[in-house]
């Protein structure tokens, strides 16, 4: 994958396949610490203890359609190439999974963040019933967005409406830019 937003989409899809109904996505950028951190936290079914240590092994997967799962292994490889790493925490008691990945921001091998907003909008459009909280933080400046808040103001079907999706896209673009984003 050539950009981190595609890895993010893969992580979110993993959460959805794990029956998550709520997902929290955090992107944190620190120029001072020269670090980019992406976290995805869900309330899905979690990862069995026997698989926790092997989640980044491309030949260990719970899929039935293919015998390989490259998403986490490729992400781990890219993070390590950029003086970073990955940590996967999971609980089978309905508390879900947390995936944290970090990169040295200035590392010349670090892929670009990419079309982050398009990725988030794609998730909203494909999963209008999903509750997703999105946080974008640069140093101490933080922007947060919640689908639950939009649904509370408009209605539960808000993300099935193209006008709402277009407004949300513009809102995200504006606020990420105001908070020091690309």
Protein backbone atom coordinates (compact mmCIF):
# COMPACT_ATOMS: atom_id res chain seq x y z
CA UNK A 1 0.00 0.00 0.00
CA UNK A 2 1.45 3.30 -1.07
CA UNK A 3 -0.18 5.54 1.51
CA UNK A 4 -1.08 5.21 5.17
CA UNK A 5 -4.74 6.04 4.60
CA UNK A 6 -5.08 2.70 2.79
CA UNK A 7 -3.57 0.89 5.78
CA UNK A 8 -6.06 2.77 7.95
CA UNK A 9 -8.90 1.57 5.72
CA UNK A 10 -7.63 -2.00 6.16
CA UNK A 11 -7.54 -1.62 9.96
CA UNK A 12 -11.08 -0.24 10.00
CA UNK A 13 -12.26 -3.08 7.76
CA UNK A 14 -10.68 -5.57 10.20
CA UNK A 15 -12.71 -3.94 12.99
CA UNK A 16 -15.92 -4.14 10.99
CA UNK A 17 -15.27 -7.82 10.20
CA UNK A 18 -14.80 -8.36 13.95
CA UNK A 19 -18.41 -7.15 14.45
CA UNK A 20 -17.43 -3.74 15.81
CA UNK A 21 -20.29 -1.26 16.07
CA UNK A 22 -18.11 1.56 17.36
CA UNK A 23 -14.63 2.49 16.14
CA UNK A 24 -12.32 5.23 17.37
CA UNK A 25 -9.63 6.44 14.95
CA UNK A 26 -6.84 8.72 16.14
CA UNK A 27 -4.14 10.31 14.03
CA UNK A 28 -1.49 12.13 16.05
CA UNK A 29 1.35 14.09 14.52
CA UNK A 30 4.18 15.58 16.54
CA UNK A 31 6.83 17.60 14.76
CA UNK A 32 8.58 18.15 18.10
CA UNK A 33 8.88 14.39 18.74
CA UNK A 34 9.22 13.59 15.02
CA UNK A 35 6.44 11.03 15.31
CA UNK A 36 3.26 10.01 13.52
CA UNK A 37 0.91 7.72 15.45
CA UNK A 38 -2.25 6.08 14.14
CA UNK A 39 -4.60 4.21 16.47
CA UNK A 40 -7.74 2.23 15.76
CA UNK A 41 -9.79 1.09 18.74
CA UNK A 42 -12.96 -0.95 18.37
CA UNK A 43 -15.58 -2.77 20.42
CA UNK A 44 -15.48 -5.88 18.23
CA UNK A 45 -15.16 -9.46 19.34
CA UNK A 46 -11.42 -9.22 19.95
CA UNK A 47 -8.60 -11.59 19.10
CA UNK A 48 -8.25 -15.04 20.59
CA UNK A 49 -5.26 -15.43 22.91
CA UNK A 50 -3.81 -18.13 20.64
CA UNK A 51 -3.66 -15.65 17.74
CA UNK A 52 -2.50 -12.49 19.56
CA UNK A 53 1.21 -13.17 19.10
CA UNK A 54 0.72 -14.06 15.44
CA UNK A 55 -1.47 -11.21 14.17
CA UNK A 56 1.33 -9.83 12.02
CA UNK A 57 2.20 -13.23 10.52
CA UNK A 58 0.87 -13.16 6.93
CA UNK A 59 0.18 -16.91 7.03
CA UNK A 60 -2.01 -16.79 10.14
CA UNK A 61 -5.50 -15.57 9.37
CA UNK A 62 -9.06 -16.25 10.39
CA UNK A 63 -10.24 -15.66 6.83
CA UNK A 64 -11.97 -18.43 4.98
CA UNK A 65 -11.62 -16.83 1.55
CA UNK A 66 -7.79 -16.78 1.48
CA UNK A 67 -4.99 -18.37 3.44
CA UNK A 68 -3.04 -15.16 3.87
CA UNK A 69 -3.67 -11.87 5.61
CA UNK A 70 -1.13 -9.26 4.58
CA UNK A 71 -2.60 -6.08 6.07
CA UNK A 72 -1.02 -6.05 9.53
CA UNK A 73 2.21 -7.70 8.38
CA UNK A 74 2.76 -5.07 5.65
CA UNK A 75 1.92 -2.28 8.09
CA UNK A 76 4.36 -3.67 10.68
CA UNK A 77 7.09 -3.98 8.05
CA UNK A 78 6.57 -0.39 6.88
CA UNK A 79 6.54 0.94 10.46
CA UNK A 80 9.77 -0.86 11.35
CA UNK A 81 11.41 0.43 8.16
CA UNK A 82 10.59 3.93 9.42
CA UNK A 83 12.01 3.50 12.95
CA UNK A 84 8.54 2.77 14.29
CA UNK A 85 6.50 -0.20 15.37
CA UNK A 86 3.10 -1.69 15.91
CA UNK A 87 1.25 -2.86 19.02
CA UNK A 88 -1.96 -4.89 19.05
CA UNK A 89 -3.96 -5.21 22.26
CA UNK A 90 -7.15 -7.22 22.48
CA UNK A 91 -9.68 -8.46 24.98
CA UNK A 92 -12.26 -11.14 24.27
CA UNK A 93 -14.71 -9.85 26.88
CA UNK A 94 -16.45 -7.54 24.42
CA UNK A 95 -13.86 -4.81 24.87
CA UNK A 96 -12.49 -5.16 21.36
CA UNK A 97 -9.07 -4.46 19.95
CA UNK A 98 -6.63 -1.56 19.86
CA UNK A 99 -4.03 -1.29 17.11
CA UNK A 100 -1.36 1.38 17.49
CA UNK A 101 1.24 2.03 14.82
CA UNK A 102 3.93 4.68 14.90
CA UNK A 103 6.50 6.05 12.48
CA UNK A 104 9.40 8.46 12.62
CA UNK A 105 7.64 11.32 10.83
CA UNK A 106 10.72 12.60 8.98
CA UNK A 107 11.91 9.16 7.88
CA UNK A 108 12.44 9.20 4.14
CA UNK A 109 10.75 5.77 3.77
CA UNK A 110 7.57 6.83 5.56
CA UNK A 111 4.66 6.66 3.15
CA UNK A 112 2.52 9.79 2.85
CA UNK A 113 -0.62 9.93 4.94
CA UNK A 114 -2.53 10.09 1.68
CA UNK A 115 -6.20 10.82 1.19
CA UNK A 116 -7.20 10.47 4.82
CA UNK A 117 -10.50 12.30 4.49
CA UNK A 118 -11.55 10.25 1.46
CA UNK A 119 -10.83 7.12 3.48
CA UNK A 120 -13.01 8.31 6.37
CA UNK A 121 -15.84 9.33 4.00
CA UNK A 122 -15.62 5.93 2.27
CA UNK A 123 -16.07 4.23 5.64
CA UNK A 124 -19.09 6.45 6.43
CA UNK A 125 -20.64 5.79 3.03
CA UNK A 126 -20.12 2.02 3.07
CA UNK A 127 -21.15 1.63 6.73
CA UNK A 128 -23.77 4.29 7.51
CA UNK A 129 -24.87 2.54 10.72
CA UNK A 130 -21.35 2.40 12.16
CA UNK A 131 -20.49 4.77 15.00
CA UNK A 132 -17.08 6.24 14.33
CA UNK A 133 -15.14 8.82 16.28
CA UNK A 134 -12.25 10.47 14.49
CA UNK A 135 -9.51 12.49 16.16
CA UNK A 136 -6.78 14.41 14.35
CA UNK A 137 -4.15 15.97 16.57
CA UNK A 138 -1.06 18.00 15.68
CA UNK A 139 0.96 18.78 18.81
CA UNK A 140 -1.61 20.31 21.22
CA UNK A 141 -4.19 21.22 18.58
CA UNK A 142 -6.91 18.58 18.41
CA UNK A 143 -9.96 18.13 16.18
CA UNK A 144 -12.60 15.49 16.89
CA UNK A 145 -15.56 14.30 14.88
CA UNK A 146 -18.28 11.86 15.89
CA UNK A 147 -20.89 10.23 13.68
CA UNK A 148 -23.06 9.79 16.78
CA UNK A 149 -23.24 13.56 17.26
CA UNK A 150 -24.27 14.11 13.63
CA UNK A 151 -26.91 11.38 13.88
CA UNK A 152 -28.24 12.90 17.11
CA UNK A 153 -28.72 16.28 15.43
CA UNK A 154 -29.98 15.07 12.04
CA UNK A 155 -31.20 11.47 12.26
CA UNK A 156 -29.86 7.94 12.43
CA UNK A 157 -29.83 7.69 8.63
CA UNK A 158 -27.80 10.88 8.11
CA UNK A 159 -24.86 9.09 6.48
CA UNK A 160 -27.10 7.63 3.79
CA UNK A 161 -27.58 11.17 2.43
CA UNK A 162 -25.07 12.38 -0.17
CA UNK A 163 -25.51 16.02 0.88
CA UNK A 164 -24.57 15.13 4.45
CA UNK A 165 -21.52 13.17 3.25
CA UNK A 166 -20.40 16.12 1.10
CA UNK A 167 -20.85 18.51 4.03
CA UNK A 168 -18.92 16.17 6.35
CA UNK A 169 -16.09 15.90 3.81
CA UNK A 170 -15.80 19.70 3.59
CA UNK A 171 -16.04 20.01 7.37
CA UNK A 172 -13.26 17.46 7.90
CA UNK A 173 -11.02 19.06 5.26
CA UNK A 174 -11.46 22.51 6.77
CA UNK A 175 -10.86 21.44 10.35
CA UNK A 176 -7.89 19.20 9.64
CA UNK A 177 -6.29 22.03 7.71
CA UNK A 178 -7.03 24.47 10.54
CA UNK A 179 -5.39 22.05 12.98
CA UNK A 180 -2.14 21.89 11.04
CA UNK A 181 -2.90 18.92 8.82
CA UNK A 182 -1.86 18.35 5.26
